[in-house]
Amino acid sequence: MVRSKKTSEMVKMALFIALIILLSVTPLGYIPLGAINATTIQMPVIIGAVLFGWKKGAVLGGVFGLTSLLKNTVQPNLTSFVFSPFVPVFGEESGSLWAIVISLFPRIMIGVVAAAVFSLLVKFKLNKTLSSAIAGFCGSLTNTVLVMGGIYVFFGESYSAAKDIAYNALMATVSATITGAGITEAIVSAVVCGAVCTALIKYSERKS
């Protein structure tokens, strides 16, 4: 039974990883919204974190981060240097290792934060539907805040030059991205993750 359970968990993780990779190579994963891309890949990371816990959620987030790094390396755009160390920083001849941090750390934290929020709310007797929805919101917003914050801290001047905006206006741009696209992504993630997690949790409980 123990071996069967481990096999089942491995299969489930493989399915989630496959879904993340699939989203990363289709337009559904990165939806262009002018200056930025709205992401949906955080959703399977969040759902996996809610169902399997923060460790597996962190692994799924890491896979998301790797797909981001690879995509920006293979299909670079004007600002890909913030996600890939193999793309030269704007105005320079080489890339930066800080790009690895921005690609991986925020995405790993999606799973950690989502799982922690869900577990905490369930402990406080909040129903699982609302708990998973709030986890979806927090996990998605974690990604936006950490990515945009990392860009500002590590690549502020280069990013401003690449986007052709004044450096002293970058903070306003970052804030607008978080409160605009970031909040929108988080709300969509809350709705989708709340619904999907509820269905999967109920199915798992019936099967048990």
C-alpha atoms as a PDB file:
ATOM      1  CA  MET A   1       0.000   0.000   0.000  1.00  0.00           C
ATOM      2  CA  VAL A   2       2.871   2.372   0.809  1.00  0.00           C
ATOM      3  CA  ARG A   3       4.510   1.626  -2.545  1.00  0.00           C
ATOM      4  CA  SER A   4       1.172   2.103  -4.316  1.00  0.00           C
ATOM      5  CA  LYS A   5       0.658   5.463  -2.599  1.00  0.00           C
ATOM      6  CA  LYS A   6       4.131   6.661  -3.585  1.00  0.00           C
ATOM      7  CA  THR A   7       3.547   5.576  -7.166  1.00  0.00           C
ATOM      8  CA  SER A   8       0.237   7.415  -7.226  1.00  0.00           C
ATOM      9  CA  GLU A   9       1.871  10.583  -5.888  1.00  0.00           C
ATOM     10  CA  MET A  10       4.628  10.365  -8.500  1.00  0.00           C
ATOM     11  CA  VAL A  11       2.077   9.984 -11.284  1.00  0.00           C
ATOM     12  CA  LYS A  12       0.108  12.985 -10.034  1.00  0.00           C
ATOM     13  CA  MET A  13       3.254  15.111  -9.825  1.00  0.00           C
ATOM     14  CA  ALA A  14       4.237  14.014 -13.337  1.00  0.00           C
ATOM     15  CA  LEU A  15       0.834  15.101 -14.634  1.00  0.00           C
ATOM     16  CA  PHE A  16       1.165  18.528 -13.013  1.00  0.00           C
ATOM     17  CA  ILE A  17       4.701  18.944 -14.361  1.00  0.00           C
ATOM     18  CA  ALA A  18       3.490  17.958 -17.833  1.00  0.00           C
ATOM     19  CA  LEU A  19       0.690  20.534 -17.586  1.00  0.00           C
ATOM     20  CA  ILE A  20       3.145  23.274 -16.586  1.00  0.00           C
ATOM     21  CA  ILE A  21       5.425  22.406 -19.507  1.00  0.00           C
ATOM     22  CA  LEU A  22       2.457  22.286 -21.890  1.00  0.00           C
ATOM     23  CA  LEU A  23       1.289  25.734 -20.802  1.00  0.00           C
ATOM     24  CA  SER A  24       4.815  27.095 -21.148  1.00  0.00           C
ATOM     25  CA  VAL A  25       5.029  26.150 -24.836  1.00  0.00           C
ATOM     26  CA  THR A  26       1.533  27.321 -25.822  1.00  0.00           C
ATOM     27  CA  PRO A  27      -0.048  30.797 -25.912  1.00  0.00           C
ATOM     28  CA  LEU A  28      -2.233  29.778 -22.966  1.00  0.00           C
ATOM     29  CA  GLY A  29       0.713  29.979 -20.575  1.00  0.00           C
ATOM     30  CA  TYR A  30       1.890  33.482 -21.381  1.00  0.00           C
ATOM     31  CA  ILE A  31      -0.866  35.762 -22.651  1.00  0.00           C
ATOM     32  CA  PRO A  32       0.531  38.979 -24.191  1.00  0.00           C
ATOM     33  CA  LEU A  33      -0.915  42.149 -22.662  1.00  0.00           C
ATOM     34  CA  GLY A  34       1.129  44.793 -24.392  1.00  0.00           C
ATOM     35  CA  ALA A  35       4.133  45.615 -22.202  1.00  0.00           C
ATOM     36  CA  ILE A  36       3.879  42.414 -20.130  1.00  0.00           C
ATOM     37  CA  ASN A  37       2.677  38.832 -20.349  1.00  0.00           C
ATOM     38  CA  ALA A  38      -0.167  37.656 -18.137  1.00  0.00           C
ATOM     39  CA  THR A  39       0.717  34.196 -16.829  1.00  0.00           C
ATOM     40  CA  THR A  40      -1.552  31.250 -16.121  1.00  0.00           C
ATOM     41  CA  ILE A  41       1.190  28.726 -15.315  1.00  0.00           C
ATOM     42  CA  GLN A  42       0.997  29.647 -11.642  1.00  0.00           C
ATOM     43  CA  MET A  43      -2.381  27.909 -11.407  1.00  0.00           C
ATOM     44  CA  PRO A  44      -1.180  24.265 -11.581  1.00  0.00           C
ATOM     45  CA  VAL A  45       1.608  25.231  -9.165  1.00  0.00           C
ATOM     46  CA  ILE A  46      -0.942  26.585  -6.688  1.00  0.00           C
ATOM     47  CA  ILE A  47      -3.331  23.659  -7.120  1.00  0.00           C
ATOM     48  CA  GLY A  48      -0.475  21.201  -6.661  1.00  0.00           C
ATOM     49  CA  ALA A  49       0.694  23.037  -3.541  1.00  0.00           C
ATOM     50  CA  VAL A  50      -2.794  22.927  -2.026  1.00  0.00           C
ATOM     51  CA  LEU A  51      -3.217  19.223  -2.786  1.00  0.00           C
ATOM     52  CA  PHE A  52       0.305  17.947  -2.074  1.00  0.00           C
ATOM     53  CA  GLY A  53       1.864  20.427   0.364  1.00  0.00           C
ATOM     54  CA  TRP A  54       4.557  23.081   0.228  1.00  0.00           C
ATOM     55  CA  LYS A  55       7.486  20.819  -0.697  1.00  0.00           C
ATOM     56  CA  LYS A  56       5.878  19.496  -3.858  1.00  0.00           C
ATOM     57  CA  GLY A  57       4.448  22.943  -4.483  1.00  0.00           C
ATOM     58  CA  ALA A  58       7.985  24.342  -4.387  1.00  0.00           C
ATOM     59  CA  VAL A  59       9.120  21.683  -6.887  1.00  0.00           C
ATOM     60  CA  LEU A  60       6.281  22.584  -9.248  1.00  0.00           C
ATOM     61  CA  GLY A  61       7.166  26.249  -8.863  1.00  0.00           C
ATOM     62  CA  GLY A  62      10.767  25.407  -9.695  1.00  0.00           C
ATOM     63  CA  VAL A  63       9.604  23.703 -12.902  1.00  0.00           C
ATOM     64  CA  PHE A  64       7.642  26.854 -13.767  1.00  0.00           C
ATOM     65  CA  GLY A  65      10.785  28.913 -13.175  1.00  0.00           C
ATOM     66  CA  LEU A  66      12.880  26.663 -15.404  1.00  0.00           C
ATOM     67  CA  THR A  67      10.352  26.937 -18.243  1.00  0.00           C
ATOM     68  CA  SER A  68      10.528  30.721 -17.915  1.00  0.00           C
ATOM     69  CA  LEU A  69      14.325  30.678 -18.050  1.00  0.00           C
ATOM     70  CA  LEU A  70      14.367  28.364 -21.077  1.00  0.00           C
ATOM     71  CA  LYS A  71      11.660  30.274 -22.941  1.00  0.00           C
ATOM     72  CA  ASN A  72      13.474  33.591 -22.500  1.00  0.00           C
ATOM     73  CA  THR A  73      16.741  31.978 -23.582  1.00  0.00           C
ATOM     74  CA  VAL A  74      15.381  30.286 -26.706  1.00  0.00           C
ATOM     75  CA  GLN A  75      12.889  33.012 -27.667  1.00  0.00           C
ATOM     76  CA  PRO A  76      14.393  36.195 -26.231  1.00  0.00           C
ATOM     77  CA  ASN A  77      12.662  39.559 -26.342  1.00  0.00           C
ATOM     78  CA  LEU A  78      13.746  43.030 -25.310  1.00  0.00           C
ATOM     79  CA  THR A  79      13.542  42.305 -21.570  1.00  0.00           C
ATOM     80  CA  SER A  80      14.444  38.591 -21.507  1.00  0.00           C
ATOM     81  CA  PHE A  81      17.701  39.459 -19.753  1.00  0.00           C
ATOM     82  CA  VAL A  82      15.799  39.696 -16.460  1.00  0.00           C
ATOM     83  CA  PHE A  83      14.840  35.996 -16.722  1.00  0.00           C
ATOM     84  CA  SER A  84      17.828  34.428 -18.485  1.00  0.00           C
ATOM     85  CA  PRO A  85      21.530  34.762 -17.658  1.00  0.00           C
ATOM     86  CA  PHE A  86      22.296  33.764 -21.253  1.00  0.00           C
ATOM     87  CA  VAL A  87      20.736  36.942 -22.668  1.00  0.00           C
ATOM     88  CA  PRO A  88      22.972  40.035 -22.441  1.00  0.00           C
ATOM     89  CA  VAL A  89      21.707  42.725 -20.102  1.00  0.00           C
ATOM     90  CA  PHE A  90      20.426  45.702 -22.095  1.00  0.00           C
ATOM     91  CA  GLY A  91      23.379  47.916 -22.955  1.00  0.00           C
ATOM     92  CA  GLU A  92      25.946  45.336 -21.822  1.00  0.00           C
ATOM     93  CA  GLU A  93      27.778  42.427 -23.412  1.00  0.00           C
ATOM     94  CA  SER A  94      26.880  39.649 -20.969  1.00  0.00           C
ATOM     95  CA  GLY A  95      23.991  38.369 -18.925  1.00  0.00           C
ATOM     96  CA  SER A  96      23.545  38.402 -15.159  1.00  0.00           C
ATOM     97  CA  LEU A  97      23.180  35.526 -12.705  1.00  0.00           C
ATOM     98  CA  TRP A  98      20.520  37.550 -10.909  1.00  0.00           C
ATOM     99  CA  ALA A  99      18.234  36.501 -13.758  1.00  0.00           C
ATOM    100  CA  ILE A 100      18.296  32.963 -12.350  1.00  0.00           C
ATOM    101  CA  VAL A 101      17.045  34.310  -9.009  1.00  0.00           C
ATOM    102  CA  ILE A 102      14.176  36.164 -10.681  1.00  0.00           C
ATOM    103  CA  SER A 103      13.256  33.139 -12.804  1.00  0.00           C
ATOM    104  CA  LEU A 104      13.285  30.605  -9.966  1.00  0.00           C
ATOM    105  CA  PHE A 105      12.783  32.169  -6.532  1.00  0.00           C
ATOM    106  CA  PRO A 106       9.392  33.886  -7.075  1.00  0.00           C
ATOM    107  CA  ARG A 107       8.023  30.763  -8.759  1.00  0.00           C
ATOM    108  CA  ILE A 108       9.224  28.451  -5.992  1.00  0.00           C
ATOM    109  CA  MET A 109       7.614  30.787  -3.463  1.00  0.00           C
ATOM    110  CA  ILE A 110       4.263  30.482  -5.239  1.00  0.00           C
ATOM    111  CA  GLY A 111       4.008  26.890  -4.036  1.00  0.00           C
ATOM    112  CA  VAL A 112       5.355  27.643  -0.562  1.00  0.00           C
ATOM    113  CA  VAL A 113       3.005  30.586   0.048  1.00  0.00           C
ATOM    114  CA  ALA A 114      -0.077  28.906  -1.434  1.00  0.00           C
ATOM    115  CA  ALA A 115       0.387  25.757   0.657  1.00  0.00           C
ATOM    116  CA  ALA A 116       1.099  27.747   3.831  1.00  0.00           C
ATOM    117  CA  VAL A 117      -1.965  29.985   3.371  1.00  0.00           C
ATOM    118  CA  PHE A 118      -4.240  27.017   2.668  1.00  0.00           C
ATOM    119  CA  SER A 119      -2.985  25.035   5.668  1.00  0.00           C
ATOM    120  CA  LEU A 120      -3.313  28.033   7.991  1.00  0.00           C
ATOM    121  CA  LEU A 121      -6.861  28.864   6.903  1.00  0.00           C
ATOM    122  CA  VAL A 122      -7.998  25.246   7.171  1.00  0.00           C
ATOM    123  CA  LYS A 123      -6.578  25.117  10.709  1.00  0.00           C
ATOM    124  CA  PHE A 124      -8.743  28.120  11.524  1.00  0.00           C
ATOM    125  CA  LYS A 125     -11.767  26.115  10.320  1.00  0.00           C
ATOM    126  CA  LEU A 126     -12.327  28.095   7.114  1.00  0.00           C
ATOM    127  CA  ASN A 127     -13.975  25.917   4.464  1.00  0.00           C
ATOM    128  CA  LYS A 128     -11.639  24.402   1.898  1.00  0.00           C
ATOM    129  CA  THR A 129     -13.207  26.148  -1.102  1.00  0.00           C
ATOM    130  CA  LEU A 130     -12.579  29.611   0.294  1.00  0.00           C
ATOM    131  CA  SER A 131      -9.199  28.552   1.677  1.00  0.00           C
ATOM    132  CA  SER A 132      -8.013  27.320  -1.716  1.00  0.00           C
ATOM    133  CA  ALA A 133      -9.360  30.464  -3.421  1.00  0.00           C
ATOM    134  CA  ILE A 134      -7.437  32.711  -1.022  1.00  0.00           C
ATOM    135  CA  ALA A 135      -4.369  30.515  -1.500  1.00  0.00           C
ATOM    136  CA  GLY A 136      -4.761  31.001  -5.257  1.00  0.00           C
ATOM    137  CA  PHE A 137      -4.929  34.763  -4.841  1.00  0.00           C
ATOM    138  CA  CYS A 138      -1.919  34.926  -2.515  1.00  0.00           C
ATOM    139  CA  GLY A 139       0.190  32.505  -4.562  1.00  0.00           C
ATOM    140  CA  SER A 140      -0.393  34.393  -7.791  1.00  0.00           C
ATOM    141  CA  LEU A 141       0.266  37.798  -6.229  1.00  0.00           C
ATOM    142  CA  THR A 142       3.459  36.438  -4.652  1.00  0.00           C
ATOM    143  CA  ASN A 143       4.781  35.730  -8.139  1.00  0.00           C
ATOM    144  CA  THR A 144       3.986  39.215  -9.447  1.00  0.00           C
ATOM    145  CA  VAL A 145       5.345  41.071  -6.427  1.00  0.00           C
ATOM    146  CA  LEU A 146       8.605  39.107  -6.254  1.00  0.00           C
ATOM    147  CA  VAL A 147       9.245  39.191 -10.011  1.00  0.00           C
ATOM    148  CA  MET A 148       8.592  42.918 -10.362  1.00  0.00           C
ATOM    149  CA  GLY A 149      10.417  43.638  -7.117  1.00  0.00           C
ATOM    150  CA  GLY A 150      13.410  41.627  -8.295  1.00  0.00           C
ATOM    151  CA  ILE A 151      13.462  43.462 -11.605  1.00  0.00           C
ATOM    152  CA  TYR A 152      13.428  46.800  -9.796  1.00  0.00           C
ATOM    153  CA  VAL A 153      16.189  45.840  -7.354  1.00  0.00           C
ATOM    154  CA  PHE A 154      18.562  43.961  -9.668  1.00  0.00           C
ATOM    155  CA  PHE A 155      17.866  45.395 -13.114  1.00  0.00           C
ATOM    156  CA  GLY A 156      16.215  48.758 -12.487  1.00  0.00           C
ATOM    157  CA  GLU A 157      18.319  50.976 -14.731  1.00  0.00           C
ATOM    158  CA  SER A 158      18.739  48.413 -17.531  1.00  0.00           C
ATOM    159  CA  TYR A 159      15.043  47.537 -17.499  1.00  0.00           C
ATOM    160  CA  SER A 160      14.093  51.223 -17.611  1.00  0.00           C
ATOM    161  CA  ALA A 161      16.401  51.759 -20.582  1.00  0.00           C
ATOM    162  CA  ALA A 162      15.033  48.691 -22.388  1.00  0.00           C
ATOM    163  CA  LYS A 163      11.444  49.862 -21.848  1.00  0.00           C
ATOM    164  CA  ASP A 164      12.395  53.450 -22.743  1.00  0.00           C
ATOM    165  CA  ILE A 165      11.089  54.910 -19.481  1.00  0.00           C
ATOM    166  CA  ALA A 166      12.802  57.173 -16.986  1.00  0.00           C
ATOM    167  CA  TYR A 167      14.407  55.335 -14.085  1.00  0.00           C
ATOM    168  CA  ASN A 168      12.651  57.599 -11.577  1.00  0.00           C
ATOM    169  CA  ALA A 169       9.348  56.480 -13.107  1.00  0.00           C
ATOM    170  CA  LEU A 170      10.124  52.770 -12.774  1.00  0.00           C
ATOM    171  CA  MET A 171       8.636  52.412  -9.305  1.00  0.00           C
ATOM    172  CA  ALA A 172       5.341  53.775 -10.594  1.00  0.00           C
ATOM    173  CA  THR A 173       5.478  51.268 -13.465  1.00  0.00           C
ATOM    174  CA  VAL A 174       6.180  48.397 -11.078  1.00  0.00           C
ATOM    175  CA  SER A 175       3.353  49.484  -8.771  1.00  0.00           C
ATOM    176  CA  ALA A 176       0.942  49.806 -11.694  1.00  0.00           C
ATOM    177  CA  THR A 177       1.839  46.311 -12.911  1.00  0.00           C
ATOM    178  CA  ILE A 178       1.251  44.812  -9.465  1.00  0.00           C
ATOM    179  CA  THR A 179      -2.041  46.614  -8.834  1.00  0.00           C
ATOM    180  CA  GLY A 180      -3.253  46.171 -12.411  1.00  0.00           C
ATOM    181  CA  ALA A 181      -2.241  42.947 -14.131  1.00  0.00           C
ATOM    182  CA  GLY A 182      -1.038  41.380 -10.866  1.00  0.00           C
ATOM    183  CA  ILE A 183      -4.357  41.798  -9.068  1.00  0.00           C
ATOM    184  CA  THR A 184      -6.277  40.651 -12.143  1.00  0.00           C
ATOM    185  CA  GLU A 185      -4.155  37.490 -12.400  1.00  0.00           C
ATOM    186  CA  ALA A 186      -4.629  36.878  -8.683  1.00  0.00           C
ATOM    187  CA  ILE A 187      -8.425  37.169  -8.906  1.00  0.00           C
ATOM    188  CA  VAL A 188      -8.560  34.772 -11.869  1.00  0.00           C
ATOM    189  CA  SER A 189      -6.262  32.359 -10.008  1.00  0.00           C
ATOM    190  CA  ALA A 190      -8.507  32.571  -6.934  1.00  0.00           C
ATOM    191  CA  VAL A 191     -11.608  31.643  -8.923  1.00  0.00           C
ATOM    192  CA  VAL A 192      -9.991  28.838 -10.938  1.00  0.00           C
ATOM    193  CA  CYS A 193      -7.943  27.353  -8.088  1.00  0.00           C
ATOM    194  CA  GLY A 194     -10.882  27.531  -5.680  1.00  0.00           C
ATOM    195  CA  ALA A 195     -13.117  25.612  -8.077  1.00  0.00           C
ATOM    196  CA  VAL A 196     -10.543  23.049  -9.218  1.00  0.00           C
ATOM    197  CA  CYS A 197      -9.131  22.369  -5.748  1.00  0.00           C
ATOM    198  CA  THR A 198     -12.622  21.888  -4.312  1.00  0.00           C
ATOM    199  CA  ALA A 199     -13.494  19.333  -7.000  1.00  0.00           C
ATOM    200  CA  LEU A 200     -10.210  17.447  -6.621  1.00  0.00           C
ATOM    201  CA  ILE A 201     -10.350  17.442  -2.815  1.00  0.00           C
ATOM    202  CA  LYS A 202     -13.909  16.093  -2.847  1.00  0.00           C
ATOM    203  CA  TYR A 203     -12.924  13.414  -5.376  1.00  0.00           C
ATOM    204  CA  SER A 204      -9.925  12.412  -3.247  1.00  0.00           C
ATOM    205  CA  GLU A 205     -12.052  12.228  -0.085  1.00  0.00           C
ATOM    206  CA  ARG A 206     -14.699  10.063  -1.779  1.00  0.00           C
ATOM    207  CA  LYS A 207     -12.013   7.784  -3.157  1.00  0.00           C
ATOM    208  CA  SER A 208     -10.453   7.414   0.296  1.00  0.00           C
END
